[in-house]
Amino acid sequence: MPHIPLPEGIPGIVGPMMFSPDTAKPMNELAEVLLRGPNSLSPGDREMIAVYVSSQNDCYFCHTVHGAVAAHHWGGNEQLVRDVKLDFAVAPISDKLKALLAIAGKVQQGGKQVAAEDVAHARQLGATDKEIHDTVLIAAAFCMYNRYVDGLATWAPDNAPEIYRASGKRLAEEGYVNSIPRPALSQKQNA
């Protein structure tokens, strides 16, 4: 049960965003820029960073819904998402993405955990300064999103992969800004 009154039956971050549309707007705009904006990292790679951090934070809703978005970007490869969450070091992804996930994992533990050697290793594997910057910011932002979701004790459906697949497809194709939750119009407004 949520710690504050949230719209009933609305999962994860969507409930708090409907509760507070003023904060939902910039949060969705940030997600849009970080995960879908112009970048040399693919949207699938960036979603995978969000998935990994969310799984490390044990935020079920976020790692599941963003896992569905990542899988959509990776041609429906849900096994790849599971492999990254389980042990990205042996997952069939690029060495550069592995190095960026290592940085993201350290940010998840605490920003000061990232060492110069981690950044140098990512650069040796082809990561640009922009990609390193965005990895750190995605990881930091998803720590915030995860804590927002779990700190309010939001509800998330479990054993409902079709729901997450549909949400993942919609977010991958339409984006986050176009998905800003809005409270339903009242009957008075519809009259």
C-alpha atoms as a PDB file:
ATOM      1  CA  MET A   1       0.000   0.000   0.000  1.00  0.00           C
ATOM      2  CA  PRO A   2       1.459   3.381  -0.965  1.00  0.00           C
ATOM      3  CA  HIS A   3       2.607   5.696   1.797  1.00  0.00           C
ATOM      4  CA  ILE A   4       0.463   8.540   0.392  1.00  0.00           C
ATOM      5  CA  PRO A   5      -2.843   8.391  -1.472  1.00  0.00           C
ATOM      6  CA  LEU A   6      -1.981   7.628  -5.091  1.00  0.00           C
ATOM      7  CA  PRO A   7      -4.357   6.798  -7.934  1.00  0.00           C
ATOM      8  CA  GLU A   8      -5.496   3.233  -7.328  1.00  0.00           C
ATOM      9  CA  GLY A   9      -4.282   0.527  -9.692  1.00  0.00           C
ATOM     10  CA  ILE A  10      -1.733   2.799 -11.382  1.00  0.00           C
ATOM     11  CA  PRO A  11       1.680   1.086 -11.365  1.00  0.00           C
ATOM     12  CA  GLY A  12       5.141   2.264 -10.422  1.00  0.00           C
ATOM     13  CA  ILE A  13       6.219   5.789 -11.150  1.00  0.00           C
ATOM     14  CA  VAL A  14       3.018   6.624 -13.013  1.00  0.00           C
ATOM     15  CA  GLY A  15       0.990   6.982  -9.803  1.00  0.00           C
ATOM     16  CA  PRO A  16       3.323   9.532  -8.170  1.00  0.00           C
ATOM     17  CA  MET A  17       3.592  11.375 -11.486  1.00  0.00           C
ATOM     18  CA  MET A  18      -0.193  11.632 -11.677  1.00  0.00           C
ATOM     19  CA  PHE A  19      -0.184  12.819  -8.054  1.00  0.00           C
ATOM     20  CA  SER A  20       2.337  15.556  -8.934  1.00  0.00           C
ATOM     21  CA  PRO A  21       2.184  16.529 -12.628  1.00  0.00           C
ATOM     22  CA  ASP A  22       4.410  19.563 -11.995  1.00  0.00           C
ATOM     23  CA  THR A  23       7.336  17.305 -11.092  1.00  0.00           C
ATOM     24  CA  ALA A  24       6.375  14.623 -13.634  1.00  0.00           C
ATOM     25  CA  LYS A  25       7.002  16.986 -16.536  1.00  0.00           C
ATOM     26  CA  PRO A  26      10.709  17.709 -15.898  1.00  0.00           C
ATOM     27  CA  MET A  27      11.351  14.108 -14.821  1.00  0.00           C
ATOM     28  CA  ASN A  28       9.935  12.814 -18.107  1.00  0.00           C
ATOM     29  CA  GLU A  29      11.794  15.480 -20.063  1.00  0.00           C
ATOM     30  CA  LEU A  30      15.056  14.369 -18.424  1.00  0.00           C
ATOM     31  CA  ALA A  31      14.313  10.711 -19.250  1.00  0.00           C
ATOM     32  CA  GLU A  32      13.555  11.700 -22.852  1.00  0.00           C
ATOM     33  CA  VAL A  33      16.878  13.513 -23.280  1.00  0.00           C
ATOM     34  CA  LEU A  34      18.926  10.846 -21.507  1.00  0.00           C
ATOM     35  CA  LEU A  35      17.354   7.778 -23.084  1.00  0.00           C
ATOM     36  CA  ARG A  36      16.159   8.955 -26.505  1.00  0.00           C
ATOM     37  CA  GLY A  37      17.932  12.201 -27.383  1.00  0.00           C
ATOM     38  CA  PRO A  38      20.716  12.471 -29.965  1.00  0.00           C
ATOM     39  CA  ASN A  39      23.658  10.402 -28.783  1.00  0.00           C
ATOM     40  CA  SER A  40      26.332   8.049 -30.075  1.00  0.00           C
ATOM     41  CA  LEU A  41      25.011   5.438 -27.618  1.00  0.00           C
ATOM     42  CA  SER A  42      21.936   3.724 -28.989  1.00  0.00           C
ATOM     43  CA  PRO A  43      18.645   4.046 -27.136  1.00  0.00           C
ATOM     44  CA  GLY A  44      18.964   0.309 -26.405  1.00  0.00           C
ATOM     45  CA  ASP A  45      22.368   0.808 -24.768  1.00  0.00           C
ATOM     46  CA  ARG A  46      21.079   3.721 -22.693  1.00  0.00           C
ATOM     47  CA  GLU A  47      17.998   1.787 -21.605  1.00  0.00           C
ATOM     48  CA  MET A  48      20.279  -1.103 -20.640  1.00  0.00           C
ATOM     49  CA  ILE A  49      22.184   1.256 -18.308  1.00  0.00           C
ATOM     50  CA  ALA A  50      18.854   2.276 -16.724  1.00  0.00           C
ATOM     51  CA  VAL A  51      17.841  -1.385 -16.421  1.00  0.00           C
ATOM     52  CA  TYR A  52      21.097  -2.424 -14.798  1.00  0.00           C
ATOM     53  CA  VAL A  53      21.052   0.387 -12.224  1.00  0.00           C
ATOM     54  CA  SER A  54      17.381  -0.246 -11.460  1.00  0.00           C
ATOM     55  CA  SER A  55      18.035  -3.965 -10.989  1.00  0.00           C
ATOM     56  CA  GLN A  56      20.939  -3.193  -8.651  1.00  0.00           C
ATOM     57  CA  ASN A  57      18.595  -0.918  -6.699  1.00  0.00           C
ATOM     58  CA  ASP A  58      16.034  -3.749  -6.634  1.00  0.00           C
ATOM     59  CA  CYS A  59      13.361  -1.464  -8.088  1.00  0.00           C
ATOM     60  CA  TYR A  60      11.081  -4.059  -9.659  1.00  0.00           C
ATOM     61  CA  PHE A  61       8.868  -1.676 -11.628  1.00  0.00           C
ATOM     62  CA  CYS A  62      11.758   0.287 -13.155  1.00  0.00           C
ATOM     63  CA  HIS A  63      13.988  -2.637 -14.072  1.00  0.00           C
ATOM     64  CA  THR A  64      11.026  -4.495 -15.539  1.00  0.00           C
ATOM     65  CA  VAL A  65       9.482  -1.689 -17.581  1.00  0.00           C
ATOM     66  CA  HIS A  66      12.846  -0.357 -18.787  1.00  0.00           C
ATOM     67  CA  GLY A  67      13.888  -3.950 -19.445  1.00  0.00           C
ATOM     68  CA  ALA A  68      10.917  -4.170 -21.797  1.00  0.00           C
ATOM     69  CA  VAL A  69      11.963  -0.911 -23.489  1.00  0.00           C
ATOM     70  CA  ALA A  70      15.546  -2.174 -23.854  1.00  0.00           C
ATOM     71  CA  ALA A  71      14.350  -5.521 -25.207  1.00  0.00           C
ATOM     72  CA  HIS A  72      12.185  -3.704 -27.759  1.00  0.00           C
ATOM     73  CA  HIS A  73      15.210  -1.702 -28.921  1.00  0.00           C
ATOM     74  CA  TRP A  74      17.263  -4.918 -29.080  1.00  0.00           C
ATOM     75  CA  GLY A  75      14.771  -6.621 -31.400  1.00  0.00           C
ATOM     76  CA  GLY A  76      12.700  -8.217 -28.622  1.00  0.00           C
ATOM     77  CA  ASN A  77      15.713  -9.879 -26.992  1.00  0.00           C
ATOM     78  CA  GLU A  78      14.402 -10.335 -23.447  1.00  0.00           C
ATOM     79  CA  GLN A  79      17.106 -12.918 -22.717  1.00  0.00           C
ATOM     80  CA  LEU A  80      19.796 -10.298 -23.297  1.00  0.00           C
ATOM     81  CA  VAL A  81      18.151  -8.037 -20.726  1.00  0.00           C
ATOM     82  CA  ARG A  82      18.042 -10.904 -18.218  1.00  0.00           C
ATOM     83  CA  ASP A  83      21.711 -11.686 -18.960  1.00  0.00           C
ATOM     84  CA  VAL A  84      22.758  -8.074 -18.331  1.00  0.00           C
ATOM     85  CA  LYS A  85      20.861  -7.954 -15.039  1.00  0.00           C
ATOM     86  CA  LEU A  86      22.357 -11.268 -13.943  1.00  0.00           C
ATOM     87  CA  ASP A  87      26.002 -10.620 -14.944  1.00  0.00           C
ATOM     88  CA  PHE A  88      26.735  -8.055 -17.629  1.00  0.00           C
ATOM     89  CA  ALA A  89      30.414  -9.079 -17.707  1.00  0.00           C
ATOM     90  CA  VAL A  90      29.485 -12.311 -19.510  1.00  0.00           C
ATOM     91  CA  ALA A  91      26.465 -10.994 -21.432  1.00  0.00           C
ATOM     92  CA  PRO A  92      26.779 -10.838 -25.238  1.00  0.00           C
ATOM     93  CA  ILE A  93      27.185  -7.054 -25.411  1.00  0.00           C
ATOM     94  CA  SER A  94      30.080  -4.866 -26.525  1.00  0.00           C
ATOM     95  CA  ASP A  95      33.107  -4.428 -24.302  1.00  0.00           C
ATOM     96  CA  LYS A  96      32.448  -0.682 -24.377  1.00  0.00           C
ATOM     97  CA  LEU A  97      28.941  -1.174 -22.974  1.00  0.00           C
ATOM     98  CA  LYS A  98      30.355  -3.506 -20.322  1.00  0.00           C
ATOM     99  CA  ALA A  99      32.802  -0.785 -19.255  1.00  0.00           C
ATOM    100  CA  LEU A 100      30.001   1.781 -19.135  1.00  0.00           C
ATOM    101  CA  LEU A 101      27.824  -0.583 -17.080  1.00  0.00           C
ATOM    102  CA  ALA A 102      30.729  -0.997 -14.652  1.00  0.00           C
ATOM    103  CA  ILE A 103      30.790   2.781 -14.236  1.00  0.00           C
ATOM    104  CA  ALA A 104      26.997   2.871 -13.846  1.00  0.00           C
ATOM    105  CA  GLY A 105      27.214   0.185 -11.172  1.00  0.00           C
ATOM    106  CA  LYS A 106      29.726   2.234  -9.234  1.00  0.00           C
ATOM    107  CA  VAL A 107      27.530   5.336  -9.484  1.00  0.00           C
ATOM    108  CA  GLN A 108      24.671   3.223  -8.108  1.00  0.00           C
ATOM    109  CA  GLN A 109      26.837   2.387  -5.083  1.00  0.00           C
ATOM    110  CA  GLY A 110      27.898   6.023  -4.651  1.00  0.00           C
ATOM    111  CA  GLY A 111      29.301   8.590  -7.045  1.00  0.00           C
ATOM    112  CA  LYS A 112      32.706   8.630  -5.378  1.00  0.00           C
ATOM    113  CA  GLN A 113      33.092   4.923  -6.182  1.00  0.00           C
ATOM    114  CA  VAL A 114      33.910   5.760  -9.813  1.00  0.00           C
ATOM    115  CA  ALA A 115      37.695   5.765 -10.204  1.00  0.00           C
ATOM    116  CA  ALA A 116      39.913   7.313 -12.857  1.00  0.00           C
ATOM    117  CA  GLU A 117      40.828   3.756 -13.903  1.00  0.00           C
ATOM    118  CA  ASP A 118      37.161   2.987 -14.657  1.00  0.00           C
ATOM    119  CA  VAL A 119      36.940   5.997 -16.952  1.00  0.00           C
ATOM    120  CA  ALA A 120      40.304   5.240 -18.588  1.00  0.00           C
ATOM    121  CA  HIS A 121      39.199   1.662 -19.240  1.00  0.00           C
ATOM    122  CA  ALA A 122      35.960   2.851 -20.875  1.00  0.00           C
ATOM    123  CA  ARG A 123      37.924   5.296 -23.041  1.00  0.00           C
ATOM    124  CA  GLN A 124      40.324   2.508 -24.096  1.00  0.00           C
ATOM    125  CA  LEU A 125      37.285   0.569 -25.291  1.00  0.00           C
ATOM    126  CA  GLY A 126      36.037   3.500 -27.355  1.00  0.00           C
ATOM    127  CA  ALA A 127      33.755   5.393 -24.976  1.00  0.00           C
ATOM    128  CA  THR A 128      33.633   9.123 -25.592  1.00  0.00           C
ATOM    129  CA  ASP A 129      33.531  11.726 -22.847  1.00  0.00           C
ATOM    130  CA  LYS A 130      29.875  12.397 -23.759  1.00  0.00           C
ATOM    131  CA  GLU A 131      29.059   8.669 -23.392  1.00  0.00           C
ATOM    132  CA  ILE A 132      30.819   8.551 -20.014  1.00  0.00           C
ATOM    133  CA  HIS A 133      29.002  11.711 -18.911  1.00  0.00           C
ATOM    134  CA  ASP A 134      25.631  10.358 -19.992  1.00  0.00           C
ATOM    135  CA  THR A 135      26.271   6.981 -18.353  1.00  0.00           C
ATOM    136  CA  VAL A 136      26.946   8.687 -15.026  1.00  0.00           C
ATOM    137  CA  LEU A 137      23.880  10.914 -15.401  1.00  0.00           C
ATOM    138  CA  ILE A 138      21.593   8.017 -16.433  1.00  0.00           C
ATOM    139  CA  ALA A 139      22.816   6.007 -13.430  1.00  0.00           C
ATOM    140  CA  ALA A 140      22.334   8.941 -11.061  1.00  0.00           C
ATOM    141  CA  ALA A 141      18.909   9.789 -12.479  1.00  0.00           C
ATOM    142  CA  PHE A 142      17.733   6.202 -12.193  1.00  0.00           C
ATOM    143  CA  CYS A 143      18.833   6.062  -8.584  1.00  0.00           C
ATOM    144  CA  MET A 144      16.494   9.032  -8.079  1.00  0.00           C
ATOM    145  CA  TYR A 145      13.642   7.482 -10.099  1.00  0.00           C
ATOM    146  CA  ASN A 146      14.051   4.148  -8.269  1.00  0.00           C
ATOM    147  CA  ARG A 147      13.987   5.789  -4.874  1.00  0.00           C
ATOM    148  CA  TYR A 148      10.947   7.845  -5.883  1.00  0.00           C
ATOM    149  CA  VAL A 149       9.079   4.675  -6.883  1.00  0.00           C
ATOM    150  CA  ASP A 150      10.114   2.589  -3.889  1.00  0.00           C
ATOM    151  CA  GLY A 151      10.185   5.413  -1.335  1.00  0.00           C
ATOM    152  CA  LEU A 152       6.459   5.924  -1.845  1.00  0.00           C
ATOM    153  CA  ALA A 153       5.806   2.148  -1.785  1.00  0.00           C
ATOM    154  CA  THR A 154       4.148   2.175  -5.192  1.00  0.00           C
ATOM    155  CA  TRP A 155       2.451  -0.902  -6.592  1.00  0.00           C
ATOM    156  CA  ALA A 156       3.714  -2.838  -9.604  1.00  0.00           C
ATOM    157  CA  PRO A 157       2.100  -5.815 -11.300  1.00  0.00           C
ATOM    158  CA  ASP A 158       4.167  -8.979 -11.139  1.00  0.00           C
ATOM    159  CA  ASN A 159       3.948 -11.963 -13.464  1.00  0.00           C
ATOM    160  CA  ALA A 160       2.473  -9.714 -16.147  1.00  0.00           C
ATOM    161  CA  PRO A 161       5.075  -9.697 -18.933  1.00  0.00           C
ATOM    162  CA  GLU A 162       2.490  -8.710 -21.546  1.00  0.00           C
ATOM    163  CA  ILE A 163       1.730  -5.492 -19.645  1.00  0.00           C
ATOM    164  CA  TYR A 164       5.418  -4.572 -19.478  1.00  0.00           C
ATOM    165  CA  ARG A 165       6.000  -5.523 -23.134  1.00  0.00           C
ATOM    166  CA  ALA A 166       3.165  -3.237 -24.213  1.00  0.00           C
ATOM    167  CA  SER A 167       4.487  -0.380 -22.055  1.00  0.00           C
ATOM    168  CA  GLY A 168       8.034  -1.005 -23.295  1.00  0.00           C
ATOM    169  CA  LYS A 169       6.920  -0.884 -26.929  1.00  0.00           C
ATOM    170  CA  ARG A 170       4.948   2.323 -26.345  1.00  0.00           C
ATOM    171  CA  LEU A 171       7.820   4.049 -24.521  1.00  0.00           C
ATOM    172  CA  ALA A 172      10.373   2.910 -27.116  1.00  0.00           C
ATOM    173  CA  GLU A 173       8.246   4.180 -29.988  1.00  0.00           C
ATOM    174  CA  GLU A 174       6.556   7.246 -28.491  1.00  0.00           C
ATOM    175  CA  GLY A 175       9.038   8.367 -25.861  1.00  0.00           C
ATOM    176  CA  TYR A 176       8.764   9.720 -22.355  1.00  0.00           C
ATOM    177  CA  VAL A 177       7.539  13.262 -22.942  1.00  0.00           C
ATOM    178  CA  ASN A 178       4.591  11.927 -24.927  1.00  0.00           C
ATOM    179  CA  SER A 179       3.883   9.570 -22.034  1.00  0.00           C
ATOM    180  CA  ILE A 180       3.534  12.190 -19.315  1.00  0.00           C
ATOM    181  CA  PRO A 181       0.660  10.921 -17.185  1.00  0.00           C
ATOM    182  CA  ARG A 182      -2.245  13.256 -16.847  1.00  0.00           C
ATOM    183  CA  PRO A 183      -5.127  12.925 -14.434  1.00  0.00           C
ATOM    184  CA  ALA A 184      -8.357  12.009 -16.176  1.00  0.00           C
ATOM    185  CA  LEU A 185     -10.585  14.940 -16.974  1.00  0.00           C
ATOM    186  CA  SER A 186     -13.447  15.319 -14.549  1.00  0.00           C
ATOM    187  CA  GLN A 187     -17.013  15.033 -15.824  1.00  0.00           C
ATOM    188  CA  LYS A 188     -17.424  18.771 -15.257  1.00  0.00           C
ATOM    189  CA  GLN A 189     -14.517  19.471 -17.613  1.00  0.00           C
ATOM    190  CA  ASN A 190     -16.007  17.125 -20.189  1.00  0.00           C
ATOM    191  CA  ALA A 191     -19.413  18.800 -20.065  1.00  0.00           C
END
